[in-house]
Amino acid sequence: MEINLNEHFTCKKILRYALPNIGTMLAITSFQMIDGYFVSNFLGVMSFAAVNLVFPLVMIFAAPGFMIGSGGSAIISKTKGEGNISKAREYFTMLVAALLTGGIFFGVTMYFFLPEILKLIGASDELIPYCLEFGQIVFLFLPCLLTSTAFQSLWIAAEKPVNGFRLALLQGLVIVIFDWLLIVQFGFGIEGAAAATVLGSLTFTLITLSYFMRPNESGMYFVKFRFSPKKFLGICYNGSSEMIDAVSINIVELVLNLRLMQLIGEIAVAAFGVYAYVNEIFLSVFFAISTTTVTLVGYNYGRKNFVEIKSLRRNNVILTLSLGVILTAAAFLLSDEIAAFYLGYDPASYELTIKVLRTCSLMFLLYGFNIFVSAYFTGLEKSSLSACVAFLQSLIMPVTFILILPEIFGANAIWFSLPVATLMTAFVAAFFLTKKSAP
């Protein structure tokens, strides 16, 4: 499915054009769930705990990919809307070069400093060897992870979202196939899980880079460029809200896990781990729509088409609120099956997981709206407003209520911290959208 950015976008058309990106993100997160299933059921609790402890840390360092992808998509789309395709290609090339260079630097750095960092985030002496076996392999391939996250948006800016979906599907299939081969068939343990993860990202990266090495039908390809620190920092600042989302979500997971250990114990961490997989699946739908929104708003902002921008604002509000109701209902109705898939062998964990899924899923009602508002302001280059909404939703509000609610209402109130945080952020987002939304 190709995108014609000059079209008028109704709710149906926004969703239709977002479908490839939704499919891309669903493919990535769905295969991560299957990856977790292999680790849990074939390698045991220690390996499963190690992966869940290390992976948020990995994603924090992969988060700049979302920033560069989203901010770059907005600038590239705006530049194309202004009719300057050659400059858009230069920006595109500069961003990919920055992704690869930064990935190499931070990946190698984390490889050597990972043992010390694991101690800081609470890994036990027994768990650290498992974490190192998984984490050091994954960090060495950080450039591939950065590329695969950034191109969730950049494929849309190139007006080829289907290519991104196909590659994400291939990436996930590679991970699952090698999980089965390396873990189940050849018994390589947690190192096999790490190898499967990086092989998937490597496949995505190599095919993506080869596509843009020469002129193609997307009109975007690598060209000679002069690195502009000012433009690059501007792109990073404009996409900072998306990085804040990605970083903060993983920080919140770390904080919540530590708090759960203090209040309830390992069983609560296991139950929340299952919810975290569902959270990634469902939020991927909203993030996919938001990346499409950035591109559409950015393009029409470049063309000064304020009538279409107003229409996009109205239709996205309707779309995200409607999807919020649908996804919340789905999480509630499927909670039994999801809990059984991961923890059905342990009755106590199974029952608690159902409770956690049904309580925490209330956040889906308004989370999509908050993500849209942040993406909308990114497209308008109102980076401060975008970052404010993102920061409140993904870090400030959740951490605040994780710490406060159990102290006031007891340990079990911690499960309401995420829904309450989303509700409070929605009030701020609605105010900004009402008072500050004019281009």
Foldseek 3Di string as FASTA:
>chain_A
DFDDLVDFDFLVNLLVLLVLLLLLLLLQLVLVVVLLLLQPPQQHDLLSVLCLVQVLVLLLLLLLLQLLLLLLLLVLLLCVLLVNLVVSQQSVQLSLVCLQVSLQVQLVVCLVCVLVVCVVLPDDPVNSVSNNLQNNLLSNLRSLSSNLSSVSQVCVSLRNSNLNSVLSNQLSVQLNVQSCCVCVPVNVHSNSNNVSNSVSSVSSVVVVLVVQCDDDPSSHHHDDYDDDPVVSVLSSLLSVLSSLQSSLQSVLLSVLLVLCCVAPRDLVNQLVVLVVSLVSNLVSSLVSSLSSLLNSLSNCVSNVVQVSLVSSLVNQLVNQLVSLVVSLVVQLVCQQVSLCSNPVVPVVSSVVSNVLSNQLSLLSNQPSVLSNLLSSCSSVSVSVLSNVLSNQLRHVQLVVQCVPQCVVPNDVSNSNSNNVSSVVSSVVSVVCCVPPNRD
